[in-house]
Amino acid sequence: MSSEKQAGRLGNGEPAGGGGARVVNVTVGEGIVARPEQDLLTRTALGVFRLNGQFLTVSEEMARPAGLTAAWWQVLGAVLREPQPVAGIARTMGITRQSVQRVADLLVRQGLAEYTPNPAHRRAKLLRPTDEGRAAVQRIQPAHADLATRLKEALGEEQFAETAQTLERLSEVLAGLEATVTPGTGVRGGS
């Protein structure tokens, strides 16, 4: 079998991603064989990327009737309980401060949020939703509740909770690794 045909196949010739629990070395290209943990990392990352795309699509669909985008909803959702600085929102969401700043500024221009003084830091103002912003998020709640119920019914309450816990734990572990990529040598960091 050529290396092109071997790519994406388990070491025993079975197609990768068949859903089985057995993990063996994977041939990913000419002379490149991934260890089982590399295959698990790849499958996990690809699954999360696909899931992220699916969540963004459904979030856009839910947010649109409320006059929001998924990004606007994410940022407003981050400050519903309490105002936060843009940098804090970015840390919580795992995205760049600049991305959150752009969305926050749009929300302020649209009258959905406002900046307020931050007693802890004079220059880093707090973002908080306006009444109009809260009302927009509230309009999403029926669709959000419906999707949550449908996912719970499809997965079962226990598996749904375990899935959330697993994703939260994976995020915590990755954050704790404090890995840095060194060009040409791969990832180095503490574990």
C-alpha atoms as a PDB file:
ATOM      1  CA  MET A   1       0.000   0.000   0.000  1.00  0.00           C
ATOM      2  CA  SER A   2       1.387   3.409  -0.911  1.00  0.00           C
ATOM      3  CA  SER A   3       2.077   5.973   1.801  1.00  0.00           C
ATOM      4  CA  GLU A   4      -0.789   8.080   0.433  1.00  0.00           C
ATOM      5  CA  LYS A   5      -3.197   5.199   0.950  1.00  0.00           C
ATOM      6  CA  GLN A   6      -1.711   4.432   4.373  1.00  0.00           C
ATOM      7  CA  ALA A   7      -2.330   7.958   5.619  1.00  0.00           C
ATOM      8  CA  GLY A   8      -5.326   7.976   7.896  1.00  0.00           C
ATOM      9  CA  ARG A   9      -5.162   4.222   8.485  1.00  0.00           C
ATOM     10  CA  LEU A  10      -4.328   2.428  11.679  1.00  0.00           C
ATOM     11  CA  GLY A  11      -1.106   0.442  11.768  1.00  0.00           C
ATOM     12  CA  ASN A  12      -3.141  -2.735  11.216  1.00  0.00           C
ATOM     13  CA  GLY A  13      -4.624  -1.333   7.998  1.00  0.00           C
ATOM     14  CA  GLU A  14      -8.024  -0.418   9.459  1.00  0.00           C
ATOM     15  CA  PRO A  15      -9.314   3.093   8.765  1.00  0.00           C
ATOM     16  CA  ALA A  16      -8.561   5.537  11.565  1.00  0.00           C
ATOM     17  CA  GLY A  17     -11.393   7.159  13.451  1.00  0.00           C
ATOM     18  CA  GLY A  18     -13.572   4.063  13.281  1.00  0.00           C
ATOM     19  CA  GLY A  19     -14.801   4.740  16.779  1.00  0.00           C
ATOM     20  CA  GLY A  20     -13.058   1.762  18.376  1.00  0.00           C
ATOM     21  CA  ALA A  21     -11.217   2.128  21.652  1.00  0.00           C
ATOM     22  CA  ARG A  22      -8.110   0.272  20.423  1.00  0.00           C
ATOM     23  CA  VAL A  23      -5.244   2.625  19.617  1.00  0.00           C
ATOM     24  CA  VAL A  24      -2.206   1.556  17.604  1.00  0.00           C
ATOM     25  CA  ASN A  25       0.536   3.426  15.785  1.00  0.00           C
ATOM     26  CA  VAL A  26      -0.755   5.376  12.816  1.00  0.00           C
ATOM     27  CA  THR A  27       1.055   5.899   9.529  1.00  0.00           C
ATOM     28  CA  VAL A  28       0.497   9.542   8.647  1.00  0.00           C
ATOM     29  CA  GLY A  29       2.843   9.903   5.710  1.00  0.00           C
ATOM     30  CA  GLU A  30       6.062   8.682   4.132  1.00  0.00           C
ATOM     31  CA  GLY A  31       8.189   7.454   7.032  1.00  0.00           C
ATOM     32  CA  ILE A  32       6.016   9.177   9.656  1.00  0.00           C
ATOM     33  CA  VAL A  33       4.398   6.977  12.262  1.00  0.00           C
ATOM     34  CA  ALA A  34       2.558   8.570  15.167  1.00  0.00           C
ATOM     35  CA  ARG A  35       2.594   7.034  18.632  1.00  0.00           C
ATOM     36  CA  PRO A  36      -0.786   6.146  20.153  1.00  0.00           C
ATOM     37  CA  GLU A  37      -0.860   9.283  22.315  1.00  0.00           C
ATOM     38  CA  GLN A  38      -0.190  11.400  19.221  1.00  0.00           C
ATOM     39  CA  ASP A  39      -3.143   9.770  17.500  1.00  0.00           C
ATOM     40  CA  LEU A  40      -5.304  10.510  20.557  1.00  0.00           C
ATOM     41  CA  LEU A  41      -4.145  14.133  20.573  1.00  0.00           C
ATOM     42  CA  THR A  42      -4.873  14.492  16.856  1.00  0.00           C
ATOM     43  CA  ARG A  43      -8.310  12.893  17.184  1.00  0.00           C
ATOM     44  CA  THR A  44      -9.108  15.081  20.190  1.00  0.00           C
ATOM     45  CA  ALA A  45      -7.933  18.277  18.493  1.00  0.00           C
ATOM     46  CA  LEU A  46      -9.795  17.520  15.255  1.00  0.00           C
ATOM     47  CA  GLY A  47     -12.911  16.663  17.242  1.00  0.00           C
ATOM     48  CA  VAL A  48     -12.695  19.927  19.181  1.00  0.00           C
ATOM     49  CA  PHE A  49     -12.102  21.912  15.966  1.00  0.00           C
ATOM     50  CA  ARG A  50     -15.148  20.262  14.371  1.00  0.00           C
ATOM     51  CA  LEU A  51     -17.218  20.808  17.533  1.00  0.00           C
ATOM     52  CA  ASN A  52     -16.150  24.465  17.653  1.00  0.00           C
ATOM     53  CA  GLY A  53     -17.365  24.936  14.090  1.00  0.00           C
ATOM     54  CA  GLN A  54     -20.656  23.234  14.914  1.00  0.00           C
ATOM     55  CA  PHE A  55     -21.151  25.366  18.033  1.00  0.00           C
ATOM     56  CA  LEU A  56     -20.355  28.547  16.099  1.00  0.00           C
ATOM     57  CA  THR A  57     -22.882  27.637  13.408  1.00  0.00           C
ATOM     58  CA  VAL A  58     -25.682  26.861  15.854  1.00  0.00           C
ATOM     59  CA  SER A  59     -24.771  29.920  17.966  1.00  0.00           C
ATOM     60  CA  GLU A  60     -25.053  32.169  14.913  1.00  0.00           C
ATOM     61  CA  GLU A  61     -28.463  30.659  14.150  1.00  0.00           C
ATOM     62  CA  MET A  62     -29.673  31.218  17.727  1.00  0.00           C
ATOM     63  CA  ALA A  63     -28.217  34.736  18.034  1.00  0.00           C
ATOM     64  CA  ARG A  64     -29.400  36.117  14.677  1.00  0.00           C
ATOM     65  CA  PRO A  65     -33.111  36.548  15.619  1.00  0.00           C
ATOM     66  CA  ALA A  66     -31.999  38.505  18.717  1.00  0.00           C
ATOM     67  CA  GLY A  67     -29.991  40.913  16.544  1.00  0.00           C
ATOM     68  CA  LEU A  68     -26.659  39.479  17.729  1.00  0.00           C
ATOM     69  CA  THR A  69     -23.807  37.473  16.280  1.00  0.00           C
ATOM     70  CA  ALA A  70     -22.238  34.501  18.050  1.00  0.00           C
ATOM     71  CA  ALA A  71     -19.220  36.669  18.943  1.00  0.00           C
ATOM     72  CA  TRP A  72     -21.418  39.432  20.366  1.00  0.00           C
ATOM     73  CA  TRP A  73     -23.359  36.834  22.382  1.00  0.00           C
ATOM     74  CA  GLN A  74     -20.124  35.310  23.734  1.00  0.00           C
ATOM     75  CA  VAL A  75     -18.800  38.648  24.960  1.00  0.00           C
ATOM     76  CA  LEU A  76     -22.143  39.763  26.407  1.00  0.00           C
ATOM     77  CA  GLY A  77     -22.497  36.373  28.085  1.00  0.00           C
ATOM     78  CA  ALA A  78     -19.098  36.783  29.715  1.00  0.00           C
ATOM     79  CA  VAL A  79     -20.226  39.961  31.503  1.00  0.00           C
ATOM     80  CA  LEU A  80     -23.830  39.111  32.411  1.00  0.00           C
ATOM     81  CA  ARG A  81     -23.009  38.217  36.028  1.00  0.00           C
ATOM     82  CA  GLU A  82     -20.478  40.955  36.628  1.00  0.00           C
ATOM     83  CA  PRO A  83     -18.584  43.579  34.628  1.00  0.00           C
ATOM     84  CA  GLN A  84     -15.092  42.583  33.503  1.00  0.00           C
ATOM     85  CA  PRO A  85     -12.146  44.226  31.778  1.00  0.00           C
ATOM     86  CA  VAL A  86     -11.569  43.207  28.176  1.00  0.00           C
ATOM     87  CA  ALA A  87      -8.377  41.340  29.132  1.00  0.00           C
ATOM     88  CA  GLY A  88     -10.307  39.298  31.701  1.00  0.00           C
ATOM     89  CA  ILE A  89     -12.951  38.370  29.139  1.00  0.00           C
ATOM     90  CA  ALA A  90     -10.216  37.307  26.713  1.00  0.00           C
ATOM     91  CA  ARG A  91      -8.549  35.101  29.342  1.00  0.00           C
ATOM     92  CA  THR A  92     -11.860  33.458  30.229  1.00  0.00           C
ATOM     93  CA  MET A  93     -12.696  32.810  26.581  1.00  0.00           C
ATOM     94  CA  GLY A  94      -9.181  31.802  25.551  1.00  0.00           C
ATOM     95  CA  ILE A  95      -8.921  34.328  22.732  1.00  0.00           C
ATOM     96  CA  THR A  96      -6.876  37.457  22.116  1.00  0.00           C
ATOM     97  CA  ARG A  97      -7.558  40.708  23.910  1.00  0.00           C
ATOM     98  CA  GLN A  98      -7.667  42.483  20.548  1.00  0.00           C
ATOM     99  CA  SER A  99     -10.505  40.239  19.316  1.00  0.00           C
ATOM    100  CA  VAL A 100     -12.547  40.921  22.439  1.00  0.00           C
ATOM    101  CA  GLN A 101     -11.750  44.650  22.224  1.00  0.00           C
ATOM    102  CA  ARG A 102     -13.141  44.841  18.674  1.00  0.00           C
ATOM    103  CA  VAL A 103     -16.364  43.086  19.693  1.00  0.00           C
ATOM    104  CA  ALA A 104     -16.684  45.102  22.917  1.00  0.00           C
ATOM    105  CA  ASP A 105     -16.325  48.367  20.997  1.00  0.00           C
ATOM    106  CA  LEU A 106     -19.024  47.219  18.538  1.00  0.00           C
ATOM    107  CA  LEU A 107     -21.336  46.297  21.413  1.00  0.00           C
ATOM    108  CA  VAL A 108     -20.828  49.734  22.950  1.00  0.00           C
ATOM    109  CA  ARG A 109     -21.526  51.455  19.607  1.00  0.00           C
ATOM    110  CA  GLN A 110     -24.702  49.375  19.221  1.00  0.00           C
ATOM    111  CA  GLY A 111     -25.880  50.316  22.718  1.00  0.00           C
ATOM    112  CA  LEU A 112     -25.704  46.706  23.931  1.00  0.00           C
ATOM    113  CA  ALA A 113     -22.869  47.293  26.410  1.00  0.00           C
ATOM    114  CA  GLU A 114     -21.045  50.150  28.071  1.00  0.00           C
ATOM    115  CA  TYR A 115     -17.673  50.813  29.646  1.00  0.00           C
ATOM    116  CA  THR A 116     -17.622  51.753  33.321  1.00  0.00           C
ATOM    117  CA  PRO A 117     -14.746  52.819  35.572  1.00  0.00           C
ATOM    118  CA  ASN A 118     -12.649  50.026  37.044  1.00  0.00           C
ATOM    119  CA  PRO A 119     -11.746  50.686  40.687  1.00  0.00           C
ATOM    120  CA  ALA A 120      -8.847  48.210  40.416  1.00  0.00           C
ATOM    121  CA  HIS A 121      -7.263  49.732  37.307  1.00  0.00           C
ATOM    122  CA  ARG A 122      -7.795  53.264  36.056  1.00  0.00           C
ATOM    123  CA  ARG A 123      -7.061  52.537  32.376  1.00  0.00           C
ATOM    124  CA  ALA A 124      -8.678  49.086  32.005  1.00  0.00           C
ATOM    125  CA  LYS A 125     -12.366  49.955  32.041  1.00  0.00           C
ATOM    126  CA  LEU A 126     -15.006  47.353  32.828  1.00  0.00           C
ATOM    127  CA  LEU A 127     -17.464  46.172  30.193  1.00  0.00           C
ATOM    128  CA  ARG A 128     -21.044  45.573  31.281  1.00  0.00           C
ATOM    129  CA  PRO A 129     -24.249  44.920  29.342  1.00  0.00           C
ATOM    130  CA  THR A 130     -26.891  47.606  29.032  1.00  0.00           C
ATOM    131  CA  ASP A 131     -30.558  46.774  29.574  1.00  0.00           C
ATOM    132  CA  GLU A 132     -30.830  46.428  25.790  1.00  0.00           C
ATOM    133  CA  GLY A 133     -27.898  43.974  25.769  1.00  0.00           C
ATOM    134  CA  ARG A 134     -29.446  41.897  28.558  1.00  0.00           C
ATOM    135  CA  ALA A 135     -32.764  41.850  26.694  1.00  0.00           C
ATOM    136  CA  ALA A 136     -31.031  40.629  23.511  1.00  0.00           C
ATOM    137  CA  VAL A 137     -29.370  37.762  25.392  1.00  0.00           C
ATOM    138  CA  GLN A 138     -32.695  36.953  27.067  1.00  0.00           C
ATOM    139  CA  ARG A 139     -34.312  36.578  23.626  1.00  0.00           C
ATOM    140  CA  ILE A 140     -31.831  33.766  22.881  1.00  0.00           C
ATOM    141  CA  GLN A 141     -32.716  31.790  26.011  1.00  0.00           C
ATOM    142  CA  PRO A 142     -35.637  29.747  24.586  1.00  0.00           C
ATOM    143  CA  ALA A 143     -33.498  28.429  21.700  1.00  0.00           C
ATOM    144  CA  HIS A 144     -30.579  27.859  24.077  1.00  0.00           C
ATOM    145  CA  ALA A 145     -32.803  25.931  26.511  1.00  0.00           C
ATOM    146  CA  ASP A 146     -34.240  23.860  23.655  1.00  0.00           C
ATOM    147  CA  LEU A 147     -30.788  22.881  22.373  1.00  0.00           C
ATOM    148  CA  ALA A 148     -29.628  22.016  25.902  1.00  0.00           C
ATOM    149  CA  THR A 149     -32.667  19.775  26.390  1.00  0.00           C
ATOM    150  CA  ARG A 150     -32.180  18.063  23.023  1.00  0.00           C
ATOM    151  CA  LEU A 151     -28.493  17.403  23.752  1.00  0.00           C
ATOM    152  CA  LYS A 152     -29.336  16.045  27.212  1.00  0.00           C
ATOM    153  CA  GLU A 153     -31.942  13.718  25.704  1.00  0.00           C
ATOM    154  CA  ALA A 154     -29.577  12.542  22.938  1.00  0.00           C
ATOM    155  CA  LEU A 155     -26.564  11.977  25.197  1.00  0.00           C
ATOM    156  CA  GLY A 156     -28.214  11.257  28.517  1.00  0.00           C
ATOM    157  CA  GLU A 157     -27.791  13.604  31.449  1.00  0.00           C
ATOM    158  CA  GLU A 158     -24.797  11.746  32.919  1.00  0.00           C
ATOM    159  CA  GLN A 159     -22.820  11.584  29.652  1.00  0.00           C
ATOM    160  CA  PHE A 160     -23.660  15.231  28.906  1.00  0.00           C
ATOM    161  CA  ALA A 161     -22.250  16.240  32.315  1.00  0.00           C
ATOM    162  CA  GLU A 162     -19.196  13.995  31.854  1.00  0.00           C
ATOM    163  CA  THR A 163     -18.530  15.541  28.435  1.00  0.00           C
ATOM    164  CA  ALA A 164     -18.556  19.039  29.908  1.00  0.00           C
ATOM    165  CA  GLN A 165     -16.275  17.928  32.753  1.00  0.00           C
ATOM    166  CA  THR A 166     -13.841  16.230  30.352  1.00  0.00           C
ATOM    167  CA  LEU A 167     -13.584  19.319  28.144  1.00  0.00           C
ATOM    168  CA  GLU A 168     -13.107  21.565  31.201  1.00  0.00           C
ATOM    169  CA  ARG A 169     -10.408  19.230  32.564  1.00  0.00           C
ATOM    170  CA  LEU A 170      -8.612  19.065  29.200  1.00  0.00           C
ATOM    171  CA  SER A 171      -8.560  22.870  29.074  1.00  0.00           C
ATOM    172  CA  GLU A 172      -7.181  23.052  32.631  1.00  0.00           C
ATOM    173  CA  VAL A 173      -4.449  20.512  31.870  1.00  0.00           C
ATOM    174  CA  LEU A 174      -3.395  22.270  28.660  1.00  0.00           C
ATOM    175  CA  ALA A 175      -3.264  25.606  30.486  1.00  0.00           C
ATOM    176  CA  GLY A 176      -1.189  24.016  33.242  1.00  0.00           C
ATOM    177  CA  LEU A 177       1.390  22.580  30.862  1.00  0.00           C
ATOM    178  CA  GLU A 178       2.631  26.060  29.961  1.00  0.00           C
ATOM    179  CA  ALA A 179       4.142  24.528  26.865  1.00  0.00           C
ATOM    180  CA  THR A 180       6.116  26.601  24.424  1.00  0.00           C
ATOM    181  CA  VAL A 181       6.794  25.606  20.865  1.00  0.00           C
ATOM    182  CA  THR A 182      10.438  25.654  19.883  1.00  0.00           C
ATOM    183  CA  PRO A 183      10.772  25.756  16.068  1.00  0.00           C
ATOM    184  CA  GLY A 184      12.311  22.605  14.678  1.00  0.00           C
ATOM    185  CA  THR A 185      12.287  20.727  17.978  1.00  0.00           C
ATOM    186  CA  GLY A 186       8.611  20.532  18.904  1.00  0.00           C
ATOM    187  CA  VAL A 187       6.898  21.288  22.166  1.00  0.00           C
ATOM    188  CA  ARG A 188       8.842  21.679  25.374  1.00  0.00           C
ATOM    189  CA  GLY A 189       7.339  22.507  28.678  1.00  0.00           C
ATOM    190  CA  GLY A 190       6.633  21.364  32.159  1.00  0.00           C
ATOM    191  CA  SER A 191       4.419  18.463  33.041  1.00  0.00           C
END
